[in-house]
Amino acid sequence: MSIVFRTVVETHLYAAPLGAGTQTWTFEGHETLTMAGRSFPNACRFKVVNDAQPSFGTTVVWAAPGYGPIQYKFIDVDGTVRGVRTLASVTEP
C-alpha cells in the first residue's frame, strides 16, 4: 500500500527546504519498538521517498498508535544510514 501526500514546503534534518512536491509513503508493516522507557506495540513502519528528488534517499518513519511518529531513520540511496531520530521521553497528562 502506498499513500501520497502533497507538501507545500518540506524540510529535512540534513538539507535545506526542498520546496513543493510530493512524497510517497509506503506501509511496510507493524513492529514493536522499545524506547523512552516503554514499549510501543503495533507501530506502523513507513518508507518515505521525496518524488521530486528520489536521489536524496529515503526516510523510514515509525508511528505508534496514540503517540504519532516515534522514530525516523534517514538513509542515503547507497544504503548508508545518515542518522536516526528517536523519541527521548513521554510525559503523560
PDB file of N, CA and C in Angstrom:
ATOM      1  N   MET A   1       0.845  -1.161   0.000  1.00  0.00           N
ATOM      2  CA  MET A   1       0.000   0.000   0.000  1.00  0.00           C
ATOM      3  C   MET A   1       0.894   1.227   0.000  1.00  0.00           C
ATOM      4  N   SER A   2       0.577   2.221  -0.791  1.00  0.00           N
ATOM      5  CA  SER A   2       1.285   3.499  -0.801  1.00  0.00           C
ATOM      6  C   SER A   2       0.294   4.629  -0.571  1.00  0.00           C
ATOM      7  N   ILE A   3       0.763   5.655   0.122  1.00  0.00           N
ATOM      8  CA  ILE A   3      -0.031   6.846   0.382  1.00  0.00           C
ATOM      9  C   ILE A   3       0.800   8.024  -0.107  1.00  0.00           C
ATOM     10  N   VAL A   4       0.224   8.902  -0.906  1.00  0.00           N
ATOM     11  CA  VAL A   4       0.951  10.053  -1.423  1.00  0.00           C
ATOM     12  C   VAL A   4       0.412  11.316  -0.760  1.00  0.00           C
ATOM     13  N   PHE A   5       1.312  12.122  -0.202  1.00  0.00           N
ATOM     14  CA  PHE A   5       0.960  13.381   0.427  1.00  0.00           C
ATOM     15  C   PHE A   5       1.476  14.531  -0.421  1.00  0.00           C
ATOM     16  N   ARG A   6       0.710  15.579  -0.539  1.00  0.00           N
ATOM     17  CA  ARG A   6       1.154  16.798  -1.193  1.00  0.00           C
ATOM     18  C   ARG A   6       1.700  17.705  -0.114  1.00  0.00           C
ATOM     19  N   THR A   7       2.923  18.207  -0.305  1.00  0.00           N
ATOM     20  CA  THR A   7       3.519  19.093   0.683  1.00  0.00           C
ATOM     21  C   THR A   7       3.752  20.456   0.064  1.00  0.00           C
ATOM     22  N   VAL A   8       3.642  21.484   0.868  1.00  0.00           N
ATOM     23  CA  VAL A   8       3.900  22.839   0.400  1.00  0.00           C
ATOM     24  C   VAL A   8       5.391  23.124   0.542  1.00  0.00           C
ATOM     25  N   VAL A   9       5.941  22.923   1.710  1.00  0.00           N
ATOM     26  CA  VAL A   9       7.376  23.066   1.940  1.00  0.00           C
ATOM     27  C   VAL A   9       7.808  21.919   2.819  1.00  0.00           C
ATOM     28  N   GLU A  10       8.845  21.230   2.377  1.00  0.00           N
ATOM     29  CA  GLU A  10       9.368  20.124   3.154  1.00  0.00           C
ATOM     30  C   GLU A  10      10.761  20.490   3.613  1.00  0.00           C
ATOM     31  N   THR A  11      11.047  20.292   4.872  1.00  0.00           N
ATOM     32  CA  THR A  11      12.397  20.499   5.372  1.00  0.00           C
ATOM     33  C   THR A  11      12.912  19.165   5.885  1.00  0.00           C
ATOM     34  N   HIS A  12      14.204  19.032   5.906  1.00  0.00           N
ATOM     35  CA  HIS A  12      14.821  17.783   6.317  1.00  0.00           C
ATOM     36  C   HIS A  12      15.948  18.106   7.281  1.00  0.00           C
ATOM     37  N   LEU A  13      16.209  17.211   8.170  1.00  0.00           N
ATOM     38  CA  LEU A  13      17.237  17.405   9.184  1.00  0.00           C
ATOM     39  C   LEU A  13      18.593  17.757   8.570  1.00  0.00           C
ATOM     40  N   TYR A  14      18.906  17.204   7.400  1.00  0.00           N
ATOM     41  CA  TYR A  14      20.224  17.368   6.814  1.00  0.00           C
ATOM     42  C   TYR A  14      20.235  18.191   5.536  1.00  0.00           C
ATOM     43  N   ALA A  15      19.176  18.896   5.241  1.00  0.00           N
ATOM     44  CA  ALA A  15      19.131  19.624   3.970  1.00  0.00           C
ATOM     45  C   ALA A  15      18.318  20.899   4.102  1.00  0.00           C
ATOM     46  N   ALA A  16      18.508  21.779   3.143  1.00  0.00           N
ATOM     47  CA  ALA A  16      17.699  22.995   3.055  1.00  0.00           C
ATOM     48  C   ALA A  16      16.290  22.614   2.610  1.00  0.00           C
ATOM     49  N   PRO A  17      15.321  23.507   2.745  1.00  0.00           N
ATOM     50  CA  PRO A  17      13.969  23.196   2.273  1.00  0.00           C
ATOM     51  C   PRO A  17      13.980  22.734   0.822  1.00  0.00           C
ATOM     52  N   LEU A  18      13.180  21.725   0.532  1.00  0.00           N
ATOM     53  CA  LEU A  18      13.149  21.137  -0.798  1.00  0.00           C
ATOM     54  C   LEU A  18      12.094  21.754  -1.694  1.00  0.00           C
ATOM     55  N   GLY A  19      11.198  22.557  -1.130  1.00  0.00           N
ATOM     56  CA  GLY A  19      10.167  23.181  -1.941  1.00  0.00           C
ATOM     57  C   GLY A  19       8.955  22.285  -2.105  1.00  0.00           C
ATOM     58  N   ALA A  20       8.048  22.729  -2.968  1.00  0.00           N
ATOM     59  CA  ALA A  20       6.804  22.000  -3.179  1.00  0.00           C
ATOM     60  C   ALA A  20       7.089  20.681  -3.888  1.00  0.00           C
ATOM     61  N   GLY A  21       6.313  19.673  -3.567  1.00  0.00           N
ATOM     62  CA  GLY A  21       6.482  18.374  -4.205  1.00  0.00           C
ATOM     63  C   GLY A  21       5.581  17.356  -3.547  1.00  0.00           C
ATOM     64  N   THR A  22       5.789  16.127  -3.906  1.00  0.00           N
ATOM     65  CA  THR A  22       5.020  15.055  -3.286  1.00  0.00           C
ATOM     66  C   THR A  22       5.966  14.053  -2.661  1.00  0.00           C
ATOM     67  N   GLN A  23       5.432  13.360  -1.693  1.00  0.00           N
ATOM     68  CA  GLN A  23       6.136  12.267  -1.047  1.00  0.00           C
ATOM     69  C   GLN A  23       5.296  11.023  -1.226  1.00  0.00           C
ATOM     70  N   THR A  24       5.956   9.893  -1.406  1.00  0.00           N
ATOM     71  CA  THR A  24       5.251   8.618  -1.427  1.00  0.00           C
ATOM     72  C   THR A  24       5.573   7.886  -0.135  1.00  0.00           C
ATOM     73  N   TRP A  25       4.532   7.562   0.615  1.00  0.00           N
ATOM     74  CA  TRP A  25       4.664   6.813   1.865  1.00  0.00           C
ATOM     75  C   TRP A  25       4.222   5.383   1.590  1.00  0.00           C
ATOM     76  N   THR A  26       5.092   4.421   1.819  1.00  0.00           N
ATOM     77  CA  THR A  26       4.767   3.015   1.610  1.00  0.00           C
ATOM     78  C   THR A  26       4.734   2.312   2.963  1.00  0.00           C
ATOM     79  N   PHE A  27       3.578   1.744   3.294  1.00  0.00           N
ATOM     80  CA  PHE A  27       3.433   0.997   4.542  1.00  0.00           C
ATOM     81  C   PHE A  27       4.217  -0.295   4.423  1.00  0.00           C
ATOM     82  N   GLU A  28       5.121  -0.557   5.387  1.00  0.00           N
ATOM     83  CA  GLU A  28       5.968  -1.750   5.341  1.00  0.00           C
ATOM     84  C   GLU A  28       5.636  -2.774   6.418  1.00  0.00           C
ATOM     85  N   GLY A  29       4.691  -2.452   7.298  1.00  0.00           N
ATOM     86  CA  GLY A  29       4.296  -3.435   8.306  1.00  0.00           C
ATOM     87  C   GLY A  29       4.221  -2.841   9.695  1.00  0.00           C
ATOM     88  N   HIS A  30       3.950  -3.723  10.655  1.00  0.00           N
ATOM     89  CA  HIS A  30       3.871  -3.328  12.065  1.00  0.00           C
ATOM     90  C   HIS A  30       5.082  -3.888  12.804  1.00  0.00           C
ATOM     91  N   GLU A  31       5.565  -3.128  13.776  1.00  0.00           N
ATOM     92  CA  GLU A  31       6.689  -3.557  14.605  1.00  0.00           C
ATOM     93  C   GLU A  31       6.439  -3.099  16.037  1.00  0.00           C
ATOM     94  N   THR A  32       7.106  -3.764  16.965  1.00  0.00           N
ATOM     95  CA  THR A  32       7.109  -3.314  18.346  1.00  0.00           C
ATOM     96  C   THR A  32       8.451  -2.682  18.619  1.00  0.00           C
ATOM     97  N   LEU A  33       8.452  -1.411  19.016  1.00  0.00           N
ATOM     98  CA  LEU A  33       9.685  -0.700  19.341  1.00  0.00           C
ATOM     99  C   LEU A  33       9.703  -0.408  20.830  1.00  0.00           C
ATOM    100  N   THR A  34      10.882  -0.426  21.405  1.00  0.00           N
ATOM    101  CA  THR A  34      11.059  -0.088  22.812  1.00  0.00           C
ATOM    102  C   THR A  34      12.023   1.084  22.904  1.00  0.00           C
ATOM    103  N   MET A  35      11.558   2.155  23.526  1.00  0.00           N
ATOM    104  CA  MET A  35      12.377   3.356  23.720  1.00  0.00           C
ATOM    105  C   MET A  35      11.702   4.227  24.764  1.00  0.00           C
ATOM    106  N   ALA A  36      12.438   5.175  25.275  1.00  0.00           N
ATOM    107  CA  ALA A  36      11.909   6.132  26.264  1.00  0.00           C
ATOM    108  C   ALA A  36      11.263   5.408  27.440  1.00  0.00           C
ATOM    109  N   GLY A  37      11.800   4.226  27.778  1.00  0.00           N
ATOM    110  CA  GLY A  37      11.322   3.502  28.948  1.00  0.00           C
ATOM    111  C   GLY A  37       9.985   2.804  28.781  1.00  0.00           C
ATOM    112  N   ARG A  38       9.550   2.590  27.539  1.00  0.00           N
ATOM    113  CA  ARG A  38       8.272   1.918  27.314  1.00  0.00           C
ATOM    114  C   ARG A  38       8.294   1.162  26.002  1.00  0.00           C
ATOM    115  N   SER A  39       7.325   0.299  25.838  1.00  0.00           N
ATOM    116  CA  SER A  39       7.166  -0.478  24.618  1.00  0.00           C
ATOM    117  C   SER A  39       6.033   0.118  23.792  1.00  0.00           C
ATOM    118  N   PHE A  40       6.215   0.155  22.471  1.00  0.00           N
ATOM    119  CA  PHE A  40       5.201   0.653  21.556  1.00  0.00           C
ATOM    120  C   PHE A  40       4.817  -0.463  20.589  1.00  0.00           C
ATOM    121  N   PRO A  41       3.820  -1.284  20.956  1.00  0.00           N
ATOM    122  CA  PRO A  41       3.405  -2.370  20.070  1.00  0.00           C
ATOM    123  C   PRO A  41       2.633  -1.832  18.866  1.00  0.00           C
ATOM    124  N   ASN A  42       2.706  -2.566  17.774  1.00  0.00           N
ATOM    125  CA  ASN A  42       1.953  -2.240  16.555  1.00  0.00           C
ATOM    126  C   ASN A  42       2.297  -0.881  15.950  1.00  0.00           C
ATOM    127  N   ALA A  43       3.540  -0.445  16.120  1.00  0.00           N
ATOM    128  CA  ALA A  43       3.961   0.796  15.455  1.00  0.00           C
ATOM    129  C   ALA A  43       3.999   0.537  13.951  1.00  0.00           C
ATOM    130  N   CYS A  44       3.438   1.450  13.185  1.00  0.00           N
ATOM    131  CA  CYS A  44       3.436   1.330  11.726  1.00  0.00           C
ATOM    132  C   CYS A  44       4.775   1.823  11.187  1.00  0.00           C
ATOM    133  N   ARG A  45       5.367   1.041  10.295  1.00  0.00           N
ATOM    134  CA  ARG A  45       6.628   1.417   9.650  1.00  0.00           C
ATOM    135  C   ARG A  45       6.315   1.867   8.226  1.00  0.00           C
ATOM    136  N   PHE A  46       6.778   3.084   7.868  1.00  0.00           N
ATOM    137  CA  PHE A  46       6.583   3.643   6.538  1.00  0.00           C
ATOM    138  C   PHE A  46       7.930   3.994   5.909  1.00  0.00           C
ATOM    139  N   LYS A  47       8.084   3.697   4.636  1.00  0.00           N
ATOM    140  CA  LYS A  47       9.226   4.171   3.847  1.00  0.00           C
ATOM    141  C   LYS A  47       8.742   5.401   3.097  1.00  0.00           C
ATOM    142  N   VAL A  48       9.473   6.517   3.234  1.00  0.00           N
ATOM    143  CA  VAL A  48       9.063   7.784   2.636  1.00  0.00           C
ATOM    144  C   VAL A  48      10.106   8.208   1.599  1.00  0.00           C
ATOM    145  N   VAL A  49       9.626   8.506   0.389  1.00  0.00           N
ATOM    146  CA  VAL A  49      10.501   8.954  -0.695  1.00  0.00           C
ATOM    147  C   VAL A  49       9.972  10.286  -1.207  1.00  0.00           C
ATOM    148  N   ASN A  50      10.877  11.243  -1.364  1.00  0.00           N
ATOM    149  CA  ASN A  50      10.519  12.526  -1.965  1.00  0.00           C
ATOM    150  C   ASN A  50      10.500  12.317  -3.479  1.00  0.00           C
ATOM    151  N   ASP A  51       9.328  12.372  -4.090  1.00  0.00           N
ATOM    152  CA  ASP A  51       9.191  12.078  -5.517  1.00  0.00           C
ATOM    153  C   ASP A  51       9.952  13.049  -6.411  1.00  0.00           C
ATOM    154  N   ALA A  52      10.122  14.288  -5.957  1.00  0.00           N
ATOM    155  CA  ALA A  52      10.829  15.279  -6.763  1.00  0.00           C
ATOM    156  C   ALA A  52      12.342  15.054  -6.731  1.00  0.00           C
ATOM    157  N   GLN A  53      12.834  14.426  -5.665  1.00  0.00           N
ATOM    158  CA  GLN A  53      14.268  14.196  -5.523  1.00  0.00           C
ATOM    159  C   GLN A  53      14.535  12.789  -4.977  1.00  0.00           C
ATOM    160  N   PRO A  54      14.234  11.737  -5.747  1.00  0.00           N
ATOM    161  CA  PRO A  54      14.445  10.378  -5.244  1.00  0.00           C
ATOM    162  C   PRO A  54      15.911  10.075  -4.962  1.00  0.00           C
ATOM    163  N   SER A  55      16.828  10.812  -5.586  1.00  0.00           N
ATOM    164  CA  SER A  55      18.246  10.595  -5.336  1.00  0.00           C
ATOM    165  C   SER A  55      18.664  11.061  -3.943  1.00  0.00           C
ATOM    166  N   PHE A  56      17.769  11.759  -3.258  1.00  0.00           N
ATOM    167  CA  PHE A  56      18.036  12.236  -1.904  1.00  0.00           C
ATOM    168  C   PHE A  56      18.102  11.084  -0.911  1.00  0.00           C
ATOM    169  N   GLY A  57      17.486   9.962  -1.239  1.00  0.00           N
ATOM    170  CA  GLY A  57      17.437   8.826  -0.323  1.00  0.00           C
ATOM    171  C   GLY A  57      16.039   8.647   0.226  1.00  0.00           C
ATOM    172  N   THR A  58      15.947   7.881   1.287  1.00  0.00           N
ATOM    173  CA  THR A  58      14.646   7.611   1.893  1.00  0.00           C
ATOM    174  C   THR A  58      14.681   7.914   3.379  1.00  0.00           C
ATOM    175  N   THR A  59      13.496   8.056   3.921  1.00  0.00           N
ATOM    176  CA  THR A  59      13.325   8.176   5.359  1.00  0.00           C
ATOM    177  C   THR A  59      12.381   7.059   5.778  1.00  0.00           C
ATOM    178  N   VAL A  60      12.731   6.368   6.839  1.00  0.00           N
ATOM    179  CA  VAL A  60      11.831   5.371   7.409  1.00  0.00           C
ATOM    180  C   VAL A  60      11.240   5.995   8.668  1.00  0.00           C
ATOM    181  N   VAL A  61       9.913   5.958   8.773  1.00  0.00           N
ATOM    182  CA  VAL A  61       9.203   6.567   9.895  1.00  0.00           C
ATOM    183  C   VAL A  61       8.387   5.493  10.600  1.00  0.00           C
ATOM    184  N   TRP A  62       8.491   5.457  11.930  1.00  0.00           N
ATOM    185  CA  TRP A  62       7.640   4.580  12.731  1.00  0.00           C
ATOM    186  C   TRP A  62       6.648   5.456  13.485  1.00  0.00           C
ATOM    187  N   ALA A  63       5.364   5.138  13.377  1.00  0.00           N
ATOM    188  CA  ALA A  63       4.313   5.885  14.067  1.00  0.00           C
ATOM    189  C   ALA A  63       3.560   4.918  14.983  1.00  0.00           C
ATOM    190  N   ALA A  64       3.445   5.298  16.247  1.00  0.00           N
ATOM    191  CA  ALA A  64       2.801   4.440  17.238  1.00  0.00           C
ATOM    192  C   ALA A  64       1.377   4.913  17.502  1.00  0.00           C
ATOM    193  N   PRO A  65       0.432   3.971  17.620  1.00  0.00           N
ATOM    194  CA  PRO A  65      -0.948   4.341  17.925  1.00  0.00           C
ATOM    195  C   PRO A  65      -1.021   5.177  19.209  1.00  0.00           C
ATOM    196  N   GLY A  66      -1.697   6.305  19.124  1.00  0.00           N
ATOM    197  CA  GLY A  66      -1.873   7.174  20.282  1.00  0.00           C
ATOM    198  C   GLY A  66      -0.717   8.125  20.549  1.00  0.00           C
ATOM    199  N   TYR A  67       0.402   7.973  19.802  1.00  0.00           N
ATOM    200  CA  TYR A  67       1.580   8.814  20.029  1.00  0.00           C
ATOM    201  C   TYR A  67       2.048   9.539  18.774  1.00  0.00           C
ATOM    202  N   GLY A  68       1.809   8.978  17.604  1.00  0.00           N
ATOM    203  CA  GLY A  68       2.318   9.570  16.363  1.00  0.00           C
ATOM    204  C   GLY A  68       3.728   9.096  16.090  1.00  0.00           C
ATOM    205  N   PRO A  69       4.506   9.886  15.328  1.00  0.00           N
ATOM    206  CA  PRO A  69       5.860   9.466  14.971  1.00  0.00           C
ATOM    207  C   PRO A  69       6.747   9.328  16.213  1.00  0.00           C
ATOM    208  N   ILE A  70       7.445   8.186  16.304  1.00  0.00           N
ATOM    209  CA  ILE A  70       8.326   7.969  17.454  1.00  0.00           C
ATOM    210  C   ILE A  70       9.772   7.736  17.029  1.00  0.00           C
ATOM    211  N   GLN A  71       9.998   7.431  15.748  1.00  0.00           N
ATOM    212  CA  GLN A  71      11.373   7.229  15.287  1.00  0.00           C
ATOM    213  C   GLN A  71      11.472   7.519  13.794  1.00  0.00           C
ATOM    214  N   TYR A  72      12.604   8.126  13.398  1.00  0.00           N
ATOM    215  CA  TYR A  72      12.914   8.397  11.999  1.00  0.00           C
ATOM    216  C   TYR A  72      14.310   7.847  11.714  1.00  0.00           C
ATOM    217  N   LYS A  73      14.500   7.232  10.559  1.00  0.00           N
ATOM    218  CA  LYS A  73      15.826   6.807  10.113  1.00  0.00           C
ATOM    219  C   LYS A  73      16.049   7.398   8.724  1.00  0.00           C
ATOM    220  N   PHE A  74      17.164   8.110   8.547  1.00  0.00           N
ATOM    221  CA  PHE A  74      17.481   8.776   7.297  1.00  0.00           C
ATOM    222  C   PHE A  74      18.535   7.951   6.558  1.00  0.00           C
ATOM    223  N   ILE A  75      18.218   7.516   5.319  1.00  0.00           N
ATOM    224  CA  ILE A  75      19.062   6.581   4.588  1.00  0.00           C
ATOM    225  C   ILE A  75      19.416   7.146   3.212  1.00  0.00           C
ATOM    226  N   ASP A  76      20.720   7.165   2.883  1.00  0.00           N
ATOM    227  CA  ASP A  76      21.167   7.582   1.553  1.00  0.00           C
ATOM    228  C   ASP A  76      20.789   6.523   0.528  1.00  0.00           C
ATOM    229  N   VAL A  77      20.851   6.885  -0.759  1.00  0.00           N
ATOM    230  CA  VAL A  77      20.493   5.948  -1.823  1.00  0.00           C
ATOM    231  C   VAL A  77      21.419   4.735  -1.853  1.00  0.00           C
ATOM    232  N   ASP A  78      22.651   4.860  -1.334  1.00  0.00           N
ATOM    233  CA  ASP A  78      23.569   3.721  -1.306  1.00  0.00           C
ATOM    234  C   ASP A  78      23.357   2.832  -0.074  1.00  0.00           C
ATOM    235  N   GLY A  79      22.347   3.171   0.749  1.00  0.00           N
ATOM    236  CA  GLY A  79      22.028   2.368   1.921  1.00  0.00           C
ATOM    237  C   GLY A  79      22.690   2.819   3.206  1.00  0.00           C
ATOM    238  N   THR A  80      23.539   3.848   3.133  1.00  0.00           N
ATOM    239  CA  THR A  80      24.200   4.369   4.322  1.00  0.00           C
ATOM    240  C   THR A  80      23.193   5.102   5.208  1.00  0.00           C
ATOM    241  N   VAL A  81      23.153   4.738   6.481  1.00  0.00           N
ATOM    242  CA  VAL A  81      22.266   5.427   7.424  1.00  0.00           C
ATOM    243  C   VAL A  81      22.945   6.727   7.837  1.00  0.00           C
ATOM    244  N   ARG A  82      22.293   7.861   7.522  1.00  0.00           N
ATOM    245  CA  ARG A  82      22.837   9.181   7.864  1.00  0.00           C
ATOM    246  C   ARG A  82      22.525   9.582   9.287  1.00  0.00           C
ATOM    247  N   GLY A  83      21.449   9.053   9.827  1.00  0.00           N
ATOM    248  CA  GLY A  83      21.082   9.418  11.186  1.00  0.00           C
ATOM    249  C   GLY A  83      19.778   8.786  11.596  1.00  0.00           C
ATOM    250  N   VAL A  84      19.572   8.760  12.906  1.00  0.00           N
ATOM    251  CA  VAL A  84      18.338   8.226  13.480  1.00  0.00           C
ATOM    252  C   VAL A  84      17.861   9.231  14.530  1.00  0.00           C
ATOM    253  N   ARG A  85      16.595   9.570  14.451  1.00  0.00           N
ATOM    254  CA  ARG A  85      15.964  10.441  15.454  1.00  0.00           C
ATOM    255  C   ARG A  85      14.954   9.587  16.205  1.00  0.00           C
ATOM    256  N   THR A  86      15.138   9.467  17.519  1.00  0.00           N
ATOM    257  CA  THR A  86      14.319   8.578  18.337  1.00  0.00           C
ATOM    258  C   THR A  86      13.658   9.356  19.467  1.00  0.00           C
ATOM    259  N   LEU A  87      12.437   8.961  19.795  1.00  0.00           N
ATOM    260  CA  LEU A  87      11.696   9.549  20.912  1.00  0.00           C
ATOM    261  C   LEU A  87      12.533   9.432  22.183  1.00  0.00           C
ATOM    262  N   ALA A  88      12.720  10.531  22.885  1.00  0.00           N
ATOM    263  CA  ALA A  88      13.562  10.540  24.089  1.00  0.00           C
ATOM    264  C   ALA A  88      12.759  10.345  25.372  1.00  0.00           C
ATOM    265  N   SER A  89      11.549  10.901  25.419  1.00  0.00           N
ATOM    266  CA  SER A  89      10.751  10.769  26.640  1.00  0.00           C
ATOM    267  C   SER A  89       9.277  10.981  26.324  1.00  0.00           C
ATOM    268  N   VAL A  90       8.443  10.487  27.226  1.00  0.00           N
ATOM    269  CA  VAL A  90       6.993  10.658  27.113  1.00  0.00           C
ATOM    270  C   VAL A  90       6.490  11.134  28.463  1.00  0.00           C
ATOM    271  N   THR A  91       5.718  12.209  28.456  1.00  0.00           N
ATOM    272  CA  THR A  91       5.096  12.706  29.674  1.00  0.00           C
ATOM    273  C   THR A  91       3.595  12.568  29.516  1.00  0.00           C
ATOM    274  N   GLU A  92       3.007  11.760  30.349  1.00  0.00           N
ATOM    275  CA  GLU A  92       1.547  11.550  30.282  1.00  0.00           C
ATOM    276  C   GLU A  92       0.851  12.709  30.976  1.00  0.00           C
ATOM    277  N   PRO A  93      -0.326  13.129  30.480  1.00  0.00           N
ATOM    278  CA  PRO A  93      -1.060  14.234  31.113  1.00  0.00           C
ATOM    279  C   PRO A  93      -1.576  13.851  32.490  1.00  0.00           C
TER     280      PRO A  93
END
